[in-house]
PDB file of N, CA and C in Angstrom:
ATOM      1  N   MET A   1       0.756  -1.094   0.093  1.00  0.00           N
ATOM      2  CA  MET A   1       0.065   0.131   0.203  1.00  0.00           C
ATOM      3  C   MET A   1       0.796   0.964   0.061  1.00  0.00           C
ATOM      4  N   THR A   2       0.470   2.059  -0.730  1.00  0.00           N
ATOM      5  CA  THR A   2       1.135   3.615  -0.922  1.00  0.00           C
ATOM      6  C   THR A   2       0.845   4.408   0.209  1.00  0.00           C
ATOM      7  N   LEU A   3       1.361   5.470   0.261  1.00  0.00           N
ATOM      8  CA  LEU A   3       1.025   6.588   1.405  1.00  0.00           C
ATOM      9  C   LEU A   3      -0.608   7.053   0.896  1.00  0.00           C
ATOM     10  N   GLY A   4      -0.428   7.315  -0.322  1.00  0.00           N
ATOM     11  CA  GLY A   4      -1.733   7.909  -0.782  1.00  0.00           C
ATOM     12  C   GLY A   4      -2.890   7.001  -0.486  1.00  0.00           C
ATOM     13  N   GLU A   5      -2.779   5.696  -0.697  1.00  0.00           N
ATOM     14  CA  GLU A   5      -3.885   4.766  -0.609  1.00  0.00           C
ATOM     15  C   GLU A   5      -4.167   4.907   0.951  1.00  0.00           C
ATOM     16  N   ILE A   6      -3.301   4.785   2.040  1.00  0.00           N
ATOM     17  CA  ILE A   6      -3.680   4.774   3.419  1.00  0.00           C
ATOM     18  C   ILE A   6      -4.328   6.097   3.894  1.00  0.00           C
ATOM     19  N   LEU A   7      -3.606   7.491   3.353  1.00  0.00           N
ATOM     20  CA  LEU A   7      -4.698   8.392   3.938  1.00  0.00           C
ATOM     21  C   LEU A   7      -5.824   8.604   2.756  1.00  0.00           C
ATOM     22  N   SER A   8      -6.315   8.006   2.234  1.00  0.00           N
ATOM     23  CA  SER A   8      -7.488   7.954   1.043  1.00  0.00           C
ATOM     24  C   SER A   8      -8.356   7.379   2.263  1.00  0.00           C
ATOM     25  N   LYS A   9      -7.593   5.951   2.341  1.00  0.00           N
ATOM     26  CA  LYS A   9      -8.790   5.184   3.639  1.00  0.00           C
ATOM     27  C   LYS A   9      -9.035   6.082   5.024  1.00  0.00           C
ATOM     28  N   ALA A  10      -8.049   6.623   5.278  1.00  0.00           N
ATOM     29  CA  ALA A  10      -8.257   7.267   6.710  1.00  0.00           C
ATOM     30  C   ALA A  10      -9.184   8.323   6.465  1.00  0.00           C
ATOM     31  N   ALA A  11      -9.229   8.935   5.490  1.00  0.00           N
ATOM     32  CA  ALA A  11     -10.106  10.054   5.115  1.00  0.00           C
ATOM     33  C   ALA A  11     -11.439   9.279   5.181  1.00  0.00           C
ATOM     34  N   ILE A  12     -11.757   8.412   4.416  1.00  0.00           N
ATOM     35  CA  ILE A  12     -13.023   7.823   4.049  1.00  0.00           C
ATOM     36  C   ILE A  12     -13.732   7.396   5.451  1.00  0.00           C
ATOM     37  N   ASN A  13     -12.853   6.666   6.387  1.00  0.00           N
ATOM     38  CA  ASN A  13     -13.209   6.285   7.876  1.00  0.00           C
ATOM     39  C   ASN A  13     -13.363   7.803   8.316  1.00  0.00           C
ATOM     40  N   THR A  14     -12.948   8.715   8.575  1.00  0.00           N
ATOM     41  CA  THR A  14     -13.046  10.077   9.169  1.00  0.00           C
ATOM     42  C   THR A  14     -14.171  10.419   8.820  1.00  0.00           C
ATOM     43  N   LEU A  15     -14.841  10.498   7.424  1.00  0.00           N
ATOM     44  CA  LEU A  15     -15.873  11.035   7.130  1.00  0.00           C
ATOM     45  C   LEU A  15     -17.138  10.353   7.540  1.00  0.00           C
ATOM     46  N   MET A  16     -16.600   8.762   7.375  1.00  0.00           N
ATOM     47  CA  MET A  16     -17.973   7.731   7.762  1.00  0.00           C
ATOM     48  C   MET A  16     -18.370   7.878   9.558  1.00  0.00           C
ATOM     49  N   GLY A  17     -17.263   7.979  10.041  1.00  0.00           N
ATOM     50  CA  GLY A  17     -17.523   8.327  11.586  1.00  0.00           C
ATOM     51  C   GLY A  17     -18.120   9.873  11.941  1.00  0.00           C
ATOM     52  N   MET A  18     -17.725  10.678  11.290  1.00  0.00           N
ATOM     53  CA  MET A  18     -18.360  12.139  11.173  1.00  0.00           C
ATOM     54  C   MET A  18     -19.627  12.375  11.178  1.00  0.00           C
ATOM     55  N   GLY A  19     -19.934  11.586   9.897  1.00  0.00           N
ATOM     56  CA  GLY A  19     -21.278  10.989   9.118  1.00  0.00           C
ATOM     57  C   GLY A  19     -21.994  10.696  10.178  1.00  0.00           C
ATOM     58  N   THR A  20     -21.698   9.751  10.701  1.00  0.00           N
ATOM     59  CA  THR A  20     -22.831   8.885  11.578  1.00  0.00           C
ATOM     60  C   THR A  20     -22.729   9.701  12.834  1.00  0.00           C
ATOM     61  N   VAL A  21     -21.751  10.289  13.379  1.00  0.00           N
ATOM     62  CA  VAL A  21     -22.342  11.312  14.460  1.00  0.00           C
ATOM     63  C   VAL A  21     -22.964  12.155  14.323  1.00  0.00           C
ATOM     64  N   PHE A  22     -23.049  12.876  13.408  1.00  0.00           N
ATOM     65  CA  PHE A  22     -23.870  14.102  12.787  1.00  0.00           C
ATOM     66  C   PHE A  22     -25.441  13.353  12.450  1.00  0.00           C
ATOM     67  N   ALA A  23     -25.637  12.422  11.932  1.00  0.00           N
ATOM     68  CA  ALA A  23     -26.574  11.949  11.730  1.00  0.00           C
ATOM     69  C   ALA A  23     -27.342  11.551  13.162  1.00  0.00           C
ATOM     70  N   VAL A  24     -26.825  10.642  13.969  1.00  0.00           N
ATOM     71  CA  VAL A  24     -27.634  10.452  15.412  1.00  0.00           C
ATOM     72  C   VAL A  24     -28.079  11.740  16.174  1.00  0.00           C
ATOM     73  N   LEU A  25     -26.947  13.043  15.845  1.00  0.00           N
ATOM     74  CA  LEU A  25     -27.448  14.004  16.602  1.00  0.00           C
ATOM     75  C   LEU A  25     -28.625  14.509  15.493  1.00  0.00           C
ATOM     76  N   ILE A  26     -28.474  14.575  14.859  1.00  0.00           N
ATOM     77  CA  ILE A  26     -29.871  15.074  13.964  1.00  0.00           C
ATOM     78  C   ILE A  26     -31.232  14.672  14.041  1.00  0.00           C
ATOM     79  N   LEU A  27     -30.872  12.894  14.377  1.00  0.00           N
ATOM     80  CA  LEU A  27     -32.086  12.090  14.705  1.00  0.00           C
ATOM     81  C   LEU A  27     -32.600  12.374  16.266  1.00  0.00           C
ATOM     82  N   ILE A  28     -31.598  12.775  17.184  1.00  0.00           N
ATOM     83  CA  ILE A  28     -31.776  13.220  18.299  1.00  0.00           C
ATOM     84  C   ILE A  28     -32.388  14.598  18.695  1.00  0.00           C
ATOM     85  N   SER A  29     -32.014  15.220  17.801  1.00  0.00           N
ATOM     86  CA  SER A  29     -32.622  16.474  17.537  1.00  0.00           C
ATOM     87  C   SER A  29     -34.283  16.625  16.974  1.00  0.00           C
ATOM     88  N   CYS A  30     -34.513  15.734  16.031  1.00  0.00           N
ATOM     89  CA  CYS A  30     -35.927  15.520  15.717  1.00  0.00           C
ATOM     90  C   CYS A  30     -36.607  14.969  16.688  1.00  0.00           C
ATOM     91  N   ILE A  31     -36.282  13.777  17.532  1.00  0.00           N
ATOM     92  CA  ILE A  31     -37.144  13.145  18.385  1.00  0.00           C
ATOM     93  C   ILE A  31     -37.176  14.581  19.853  1.00  0.00           C
ATOM     94  N   ILE A  32     -36.086  15.181  20.156  1.00  0.00           N
ATOM     95  CA  ILE A  32     -36.606  16.166  21.234  1.00  0.00           C
ATOM     96  C   ILE A  32     -37.748  17.051  20.557  1.00  0.00           C
ATOM     97  N   ALA A  33     -37.572  17.745  19.140  1.00  0.00           N
ATOM     98  CA  ALA A  33     -38.598  18.423  18.728  1.00  0.00           C
ATOM     99  C   ALA A  33     -39.931  17.648  18.856  1.00  0.00           C
ATOM    100  N   LEU A  34     -40.392  16.655  18.678  1.00  0.00           N
ATOM    101  CA  LEU A  34     -41.627  15.654  18.550  1.00  0.00           C
ATOM    102  C   LEU A  34     -42.204  15.676  19.861  1.00  0.00           C
ATOM    103  N   PHE A  35     -41.495  15.972  20.945  1.00  0.00           N
ATOM    104  CA  PHE A  35     -41.944  15.864  22.356  1.00  0.00           C
ATOM    105  C   PHE A  35     -43.129  17.136  22.621  1.00  0.00           C
ATOM    106  N   ARG A  36     -43.012  18.019  22.120  1.00  0.00           N
ATOM    107  CA  ARG A  36     -44.200  18.765  22.073  1.00  0.00           C
ATOM    108  C   ARG A  36     -45.477  18.211  21.765  1.00  0.00           C
ATOM    109  N   PHE A  37     -45.678  17.290  20.901  1.00  0.00           N
ATOM    110  CA  PHE A  37     -46.637  16.803  20.708  1.00  0.00           C
ATOM    111  C   PHE A  37     -46.992  15.568  21.516  1.00  0.00           C
ATOM    112  N   ILE A  38     -46.597  15.272  22.345  1.00  0.00           N
ATOM    113  CA  ILE A  38     -46.814  14.378  23.660  1.00  0.00           C
ATOM    114  C   ILE A  38     -48.240  15.159  24.498  1.00  0.00           C
ATOM    115  N   PRO A  39     -49.513  14.752  24.517  1.00  0.00           N
ATOM    116  CA  PRO A  39     -50.406  15.537  25.211  1.00  0.00           C
ATOM    117  C   PRO A  39     -50.181  15.812  26.708  1.00  0.00           C
ATOM    118  N   GLY A  40     -49.692  14.661  27.633  1.00  0.00           N
ATOM    119  CA  GLY A  40     -49.446  15.135  28.832  1.00  0.00           C
ATOM    120  C   GLY A  40     -48.323  15.414  29.348  1.00  0.00           C
ATOM    121  N   ALA A  41     -47.075  15.972  29.052  1.00  0.00           N
ATOM    122  CA  ALA A  41     -46.004  15.966  29.032  1.00  0.00           C
ATOM    123  C   ALA A  41     -45.837  17.571  29.848  1.00  0.00           C
ATOM    124  N   GLN A  42     -46.187  18.543  29.134  1.00  0.00           N
ATOM    125  CA  GLN A  42     -46.451  20.025  29.569  1.00  0.00           C
ATOM    126  C   GLN A  42     -47.150  20.033  30.962  1.00  0.00           C
ATOM    127  N   ASP A  43     -48.094  19.336  30.758  1.00  0.00           N
ATOM    128  CA  ASP A  43     -49.221  19.462  32.214  1.00  0.00           C
ATOM    129  C   ASP A  43     -47.999  18.893  33.327  1.00  0.00           C
ATOM    130  N   LYS A  44     -47.308  17.848  33.148  1.00  0.00           N
ATOM    131  CA  LYS A  44     -46.941  17.187  33.880  1.00  0.00           C
ATOM    132  C   LYS A  44     -45.639  18.303  34.569  1.00  0.00           C
ATOM    133  N   LEU A  45     -45.141  18.818  33.711  1.00  0.00           N
ATOM    134  CA  LEU A  45     -43.940  19.773  34.175  1.00  0.00           C
ATOM    135  C   LEU A  45     -44.365  21.075  35.154  1.00  0.00           C
ATOM    136  N   GLN A  46     -45.397  21.761  34.585  1.00  0.00           N
ATOM    137  CA  GLN A  46     -46.304  22.635  35.288  1.00  0.00           C
ATOM    138  C   GLN A  46     -46.355  22.128  36.637  1.00  0.00           C
ATOM    139  N   LYS A  47     -47.130  20.554  36.783  1.00  0.00           N
ATOM    140  CA  LYS A  47     -47.366  20.580  38.141  1.00  0.00           C
ATOM    141  C   LYS A  47     -46.496  20.324  38.911  1.00  0.00           C
ATOM    142  N   LYS A  48     -45.295  19.891  38.502  1.00  0.00           N
ATOM    143  CA  LYS A  48     -43.815  20.006  39.087  1.00  0.00           C
ATOM    144  C   LYS A  48     -43.106  21.103  39.745  1.00  0.00           C
ATOM    145  N   GLU A  49     -43.623  22.259  38.641  1.00  0.00           N
ATOM    146  CA  GLU A  49     -42.805  23.706  39.108  1.00  0.00           C
ATOM    147  C   GLU A  49     -43.817  24.350  40.011  1.00  0.00           C
ATOM    148  N   GLN A  50     -44.978  23.597  40.318  1.00  0.00           N
ATOM    149  CA  GLN A  50     -46.030  24.309  41.573  1.00  0.00           C
ATOM    150  C   GLN A  50     -45.317  24.071  42.309  1.00  0.00           C
ATOM    151  N   ILE A  51     -45.243  22.212  42.734  1.00  0.00           N
ATOM    152  CA  ILE A  51     -44.803  21.448  44.117  1.00  0.00           C
ATOM    153  C   ILE A  51     -43.521  22.222  44.467  1.00  0.00           C
ATOM    154  N   GLU A  52     -42.706  22.570  43.705  1.00  0.00           N
ATOM    155  CA  GLU A  52     -41.375  22.599  44.196  1.00  0.00           C
ATOM    156  C   GLU A  52     -41.005  23.348  45.247  1.00  0.00           C
ATOM    157  N   PRO A  53     -41.606  25.086  44.976  1.00  0.00           N
ATOM    158  CA  PRO A  53     -41.883  26.038  45.849  1.00  0.00           C
ATOM    159  C   PRO A  53     -42.217  25.811  47.059  1.00  0.00           C
ATOM    160  N   ILE A  54     -43.066  24.909  47.314  1.00  0.00           N
ATOM    161  CA  ILE A  54     -43.753  23.943  48.263  1.00  0.00           C
ATOM    162  C   ILE A  54     -42.567  23.517  49.362  1.00  0.00           C
ATOM    163  N   VAL A  55     -42.366  22.514  48.450  1.00  0.00           N
ATOM    164  CA  VAL A  55     -41.194  21.458  49.211  1.00  0.00           C
ATOM    165  C   VAL A  55     -39.841  21.981  49.408  1.00  0.00           C
ATOM    166  N   GLN A  56     -39.320  23.339  48.889  1.00  0.00           N
ATOM    167  CA  GLN A  56     -38.273  24.137  49.001  1.00  0.00           C
ATOM    168  C   GLN A  56     -38.467  24.917  50.419  1.00  0.00           C
ATOM    169  N   SER A  57     -39.512  25.401  50.633  1.00  0.00           N
ATOM    170  CA  SER A  57     -39.597  26.029  52.252  1.00  0.00           C
ATOM    171  C   SER A  57     -39.799  25.165  53.060  1.00  0.00           C
ATOM    172  N   GLN A  58     -40.104  24.046  53.007  1.00  0.00           N
ATOM    173  CA  GLN A  58     -40.195  22.859  54.098  1.00  0.00           C
ATOM    174  C   GLN A  58     -38.679  22.486  54.581  1.00  0.00           C
ATOM    175  N   SER A  59     -37.953  22.477  53.171  1.00  0.00           N
ATOM    176  CA  SER A  59     -36.649  22.017  53.451  1.00  0.00           C
ATOM    177  C   SER A  59     -35.751  22.883  54.427  1.00  0.00           C
ATOM    178  N   THR A  60     -36.070  24.114  54.059  1.00  0.00           N
ATOM    179  CA  THR A  60     -35.131  25.191  54.691  1.00  0.00           C
ATOM    180  C   THR A  60     -35.177  24.825  56.203  1.00  0.00           C
ATOM    181  N   GLU A  61     -36.266  24.887  57.048  1.00  0.00           N
ATOM    182  CA  GLU A  61     -36.430  24.821  58.318  1.00  0.00           C
ATOM    183  C   GLU A  61     -35.823  23.585  58.733  1.00  0.00           C
ATOM    184  N   SER A  62     -35.683  22.453  57.914  1.00  0.00           N
ATOM    185  CA  SER A  62     -34.838  21.077  58.524  1.00  0.00           C
ATOM    186  C   SER A  62     -33.387  21.267  58.643  1.00  0.00           C
ATOM    187  N   ALA A  63     -33.337  22.240  57.496  1.00  0.00           N
ATOM    188  CA  ALA A  63     -31.683  22.581  56.920  1.00  0.00           C
ATOM    189  C   ALA A  63     -30.895  23.144  58.300  1.00  0.00           C
ATOM    190  N   VAL A  64     -31.798  24.001  59.144  1.00  0.00           N
ATOM    191  CA  VAL A  64     -31.343  24.651  59.794  1.00  0.00           C
ATOM    192  C   VAL A  64     -30.686  23.549  61.043  1.00  0.00           C
ATOM    193  N   ALA A  65     -31.509  22.916  61.441  1.00  0.00           N
ATOM    194  CA  ALA A  65     -31.438  21.915  62.313  1.00  0.00           C
ATOM    195  C   ALA A  65     -30.406  20.698  61.786  1.00  0.00           C
ATOM    196  N   ASP A  66     -30.383  20.247  60.611  1.00  0.00           N
ATOM    197  CA  ASP A  66     -29.295  19.702  60.002  1.00  0.00           C
ATOM    198  C   ASP A  66     -28.091  20.400  60.216  1.00  0.00           C
ATOM    199  N   ASP A  67     -27.865  21.521  60.088  1.00  0.00           N
ATOM    200  CA  ASP A  67     -26.696  22.262  60.328  1.00  0.00           C
ATOM    201  C   ASP A  67     -26.229  22.213  61.855  1.00  0.00           C
ATOM    202  N   VAL A  68     -27.104  22.297  62.580  1.00  0.00           N
ATOM    203  CA  VAL A  68     -26.645  22.447  64.208  1.00  0.00           C
ATOM    204  C   VAL A  68     -26.286  20.942  64.418  1.00  0.00           C
ATOM    205  N   GLN A  69     -26.794  19.925  63.788  1.00  0.00           N
ATOM    206  CA  GLN A  69     -26.379  18.278  63.872  1.00  0.00           C
ATOM    207  C   GLN A  69     -24.862  18.375  63.542  1.00  0.00           C
ATOM    208  N   LEU A  70     -24.784  18.980  62.355  1.00  0.00           N
ATOM    209  CA  LEU A  70     -23.701  18.730  61.536  1.00  0.00           C
ATOM    210  C   LEU A  70     -22.309  19.410  62.020  1.00  0.00           C
ATOM    211  N   VAL A  71     -22.680  20.696  62.688  1.00  0.00           N
ATOM    212  CA  VAL A  71     -21.704  21.347  63.393  1.00  0.00           C
ATOM    213  C   VAL A  71     -21.271  20.354  64.626  1.00  0.00           C
ATOM    214  N   ALA A  72     -22.185  19.872  65.315  1.00  0.00           N
ATOM    215  CA  ALA A  72     -21.887  19.128  66.534  1.00  0.00           C
ATOM    216  C   ALA A  72     -21.027  17.997  66.192  1.00  0.00           C
ATOM    217  N   VAL A  73     -21.645  17.183  65.202  1.00  0.00           N
ATOM    218  CA  VAL A  73     -20.456  15.845  64.699  1.00  0.00           C
ATOM    219  C   VAL A  73     -19.379  16.578  64.160  1.00  0.00           C
ATOM    220  N   ILE A  74     -19.320  17.646  63.381  1.00  0.00           N
ATOM    221  CA  ILE A  74     -17.860  17.866  63.165  1.00  0.00           C
ATOM    222  C   ILE A  74     -16.765  18.413  64.402  1.00  0.00           C
ATOM    223  N   MET A  75     -17.512  19.127  64.963  1.00  0.00           N
ATOM    224  CA  MET A  75     -16.909  19.361  66.504  1.00  0.00           C
ATOM    225  C   MET A  75     -16.534  18.316  67.257  1.00  0.00           C
ATOM    226  N   ALA A  76     -17.304  17.433  67.063  1.00  0.00           N
ATOM    227  CA  ALA A  76     -17.016  16.269  68.257  1.00  0.00           C
ATOM    228  C   ALA A  76     -15.931  14.948  67.405  1.00  0.00           C
ATOM    229  N   ALA A  77     -15.884  15.180  66.227  1.00  0.00           N
ATOM    230  CA  ALA A  77     -14.751  14.465  65.364  1.00  0.00           C
ATOM    231  C   ALA A  77     -13.294  15.322  65.618  1.00  0.00           C
ATOM    232  N   ILE A  78     -13.492  16.445  65.532  1.00  0.00           N
ATOM    233  CA  ILE A  78     -11.914  17.301  65.768  1.00  0.00           C
ATOM    234  C   ILE A  78     -11.347  16.965  67.258  1.00  0.00           C
ATOM    235  N   LEU A  79     -12.406  16.930  68.398  1.00  0.00           N
ATOM    236  CA  LEU A  79     -12.061  16.856  69.252  1.00  0.00           C
ATOM    237  C   LEU A  79     -11.473  15.439  69.709  1.00  0.00           C
ATOM    238  N   ALA A  80     -12.127  14.259  68.770  1.00  0.00           N
ATOM    239  CA  ALA A  80     -11.630  12.786  69.367  1.00  0.00           C
ATOM    240  C   ALA A  80     -10.284  12.582  68.635  1.00  0.00           C
ATOM    241  N   SER A  81     -10.026  13.431  67.355  1.00  0.00           N
ATOM    242  CA  SER A  81      -8.689  13.347  66.545  1.00  0.00           C
ATOM    243  C   SER A  81      -7.616  13.981  67.550  1.00  0.00           C
ATOM    244  N   LYS A  82      -8.201  14.849  68.143  1.00  0.00           N
ATOM    245  CA  LYS A  82      -6.890  15.388  68.685  1.00  0.00           C
ATOM    246  C   LYS A  82      -6.955  15.255  70.531  1.00  0.00           C
ATOM    247  N   GLY A  83      -7.785  14.241  70.693  1.00  0.00           N
ATOM    248  CA  GLY A  83      -7.857  13.151  72.037  1.00  0.00           C
ATOM    249  C   GLY A  83      -8.202  13.725  72.936  1.00  0.00           C
ATOM    250  N   VAL A  84      -9.040  14.893  73.109  1.00  0.00           N
ATOM    251  CA  VAL A  84      -9.848  15.404  73.989  1.00  0.00           C
ATOM    252  C   VAL A  84     -10.867  14.811  74.507  1.00  0.00           C
ATOM    253  N   GLY A  85     -11.104  14.420  76.094  1.00  0.00           N
ATOM    254  CA  GLY A  85     -11.889  13.535  76.481  1.00  0.00           C
ATOM    255  C   GLY A  85     -13.223  14.769  77.008  1.00  0.00           C
ATOM    256  N   GLN A  86     -14.016  14.006  77.606  1.00  0.00           N
ATOM    257  CA  GLN A  86     -15.436  14.781  77.925  1.00  0.00           C
ATOM    258  C   GLN A  86     -14.964  15.519  79.277  1.00  0.00           C
ATOM    259  N   ASP A  87     -13.956  15.283  79.987  1.00  0.00           N
ATOM    260  CA  ASP A  87     -13.816  15.912  81.079  1.00  0.00           C
ATOM    261  C   ASP A  87     -13.222  17.190  80.575  1.00  0.00           C
ATOM    262  N   ALA A  88     -12.504  17.776  79.531  1.00  0.00           N
ATOM    263  CA  ALA A  88     -11.959  18.977  79.134  1.00  0.00           C
ATOM    264  C   ALA A  88     -13.058  19.785  78.555  1.00  0.00           C
ATOM    265  N   LEU A  89     -14.200  18.999  78.184  1.00  0.00           N
ATOM    266  CA  LEU A  89     -15.176  19.504  77.529  1.00  0.00           C
ATOM    267  C   LEU A  89     -16.164  20.354  78.929  1.00  0.00           C
ATOM    268  N   ASP A  90     -16.212  19.748  79.818  1.00  0.00           N
ATOM    269  CA  ASP A  90     -16.711  20.086  80.963  1.00  0.00           C
ATOM    270  C   ASP A  90     -16.466  21.267  81.469  1.00  0.00           C
ATOM    271  N   ASP A  91     -14.949  21.515  81.432  1.00  0.00           N
ATOM    272  CA  ASP A  91     -14.624  22.787  81.899  1.00  0.00           C
ATOM    273  C   ASP A  91     -14.123  23.718  80.608  1.00  0.00           C
ATOM    274  N   ALA A  92     -14.780  24.649  80.459  1.00  0.00           N
ATOM    275  CA  ALA A  92     -15.064  25.285  79.341  1.00  0.00           C
ATOM    276  C   ALA A  92     -14.015  26.536  79.028  1.00  0.00           C
ATOM    277  N   GLU A  93     -13.375  26.632  80.631  1.00  0.00           N
ATOM    278  CA  GLU A  93     -11.859  27.447  80.408  1.00  0.00           C
ATOM    279  C   GLU A  93     -10.913  27.192  79.648  1.00  0.00           C
ATOM    280  N   ASN A  94     -10.693  25.685  79.934  1.00  0.00           N
ATOM    281  CA  ASN A  94      -9.515  25.039  79.094  1.00  0.00           C
ATOM    282  C   ASN A  94      -9.544  24.509  77.920  1.00  0.00           C
ATOM    283  N   SER A  95     -11.034  24.535  77.210  1.00  0.00           N
ATOM    284  CA  SER A  95     -11.241  24.369  75.857  1.00  0.00           C
ATOM    285  C   SER A  95     -10.373  25.306  75.112  1.00  0.00           C
ATOM    286  N   PRO A  96      -9.880  24.573  73.757  1.00  0.00           N
ATOM    287  CA  PRO A  96      -9.171  25.844  73.254  1.00  0.00           C
ATOM    288  C   PRO A  96      -9.990  26.656  72.155  1.00  0.00           C
ATOM    289  N   TYR A  97     -11.063  25.917  71.915  1.00  0.00           N
ATOM    290  CA  TYR A  97     -12.381  26.110  71.005  1.00  0.00           C
ATOM    291  C   TYR A  97     -13.620  27.197  71.698  1.00  0.00           C
ATOM    292  N   ILE A  98     -13.699  28.337  70.825  1.00  0.00           N
ATOM    293  CA  ILE A  98     -14.835  29.447  71.309  1.00  0.00           C
ATOM    294  C   ILE A  98     -15.823  29.008  70.314  1.00  0.00           C
ATOM    295  N   VAL A  99     -17.102  28.856  70.940  1.00  0.00           N
ATOM    296  CA  VAL A  99     -18.065  28.591  70.475  1.00  0.00           C
ATOM    297  C   VAL A  99     -18.989  29.757  70.415  1.00  0.00           C
ATOM    298  N   ARG A 100     -19.466  30.117  69.325  1.00  0.00           N
ATOM    299  CA  ARG A 100     -20.302  31.408  68.905  1.00  0.00           C
ATOM    300  C   ARG A 100     -21.661  31.413  68.483  1.00  0.00           C
ATOM    301  N   SER A 101     -22.962  31.686  68.680  1.00  0.00           N
ATOM    302  CA  SER A 101     -23.739  31.404  67.708  1.00  0.00           C
ATOM    303  C   SER A 101     -23.881  32.353  66.695  1.00  0.00           C
ATOM    304  N   ILE A 102     -23.999  32.058  65.215  1.00  0.00           N
ATOM    305  CA  ILE A 102     -24.149  32.313  64.283  1.00  0.00           C
ATOM    306  C   ILE A 102     -25.716  32.245  63.315  1.00  0.00           C
ATOM    307  N   LYS A 103     -26.234  33.368  63.171  1.00  0.00           N
ATOM    308  CA  LYS A 103     -27.254  33.481  62.499  1.00  0.00           C
ATOM    309  C   LYS A 103     -27.515  34.046  61.056  1.00  0.00           C
ATOM    310  N   ARG A 104     -28.295  33.606  60.454  1.00  0.00           N
ATOM    311  CA  ARG A 104     -27.925  33.801  59.172  1.00  0.00           C
ATOM    312  C   ARG A 104     -29.286  34.852  58.928  1.00  0.00           C
ATOM    313  N   LYS A 105     -29.097  35.876  58.137  1.00  0.00           N
ATOM    314  CA  LYS A 105     -29.890  36.688  57.691  1.00  0.00           C
ATOM    315  C   LYS A 105     -30.820  36.323  56.293  1.00  0.00           C
ATOM    316  N   GLY A 106     -32.063  36.050  56.542  1.00  0.00           N
ATOM    317  CA  GLY A 106     -32.913  35.608  55.679  1.00  0.00           C
ATOM    318  C   GLY A 106     -33.449  36.415  54.378  1.00  0.00           C
TER     319      GLY A 106
END
């Protein structure tokens, strides 16, 4: 095989691969365009959008409680890794950590 034959086969393989990819992309694009003809799809999307704000308002209240628990777990892990026992936690003057209340502005 000469260099010209090798390059021509490589070019044909490249064009076949790129042609296949673009044909599949066009097919996917057509399928997505046909979704608007499915009768119940938009109704389901609108109902889902109406339900989401209600769920988000309920999750913010539980997020604050989860944050407090998360802080407690992280603090316990730090103290355990430092080797600080329960006796040191009872004596606040000897504790190397300062606990402050942080409130978020809503």
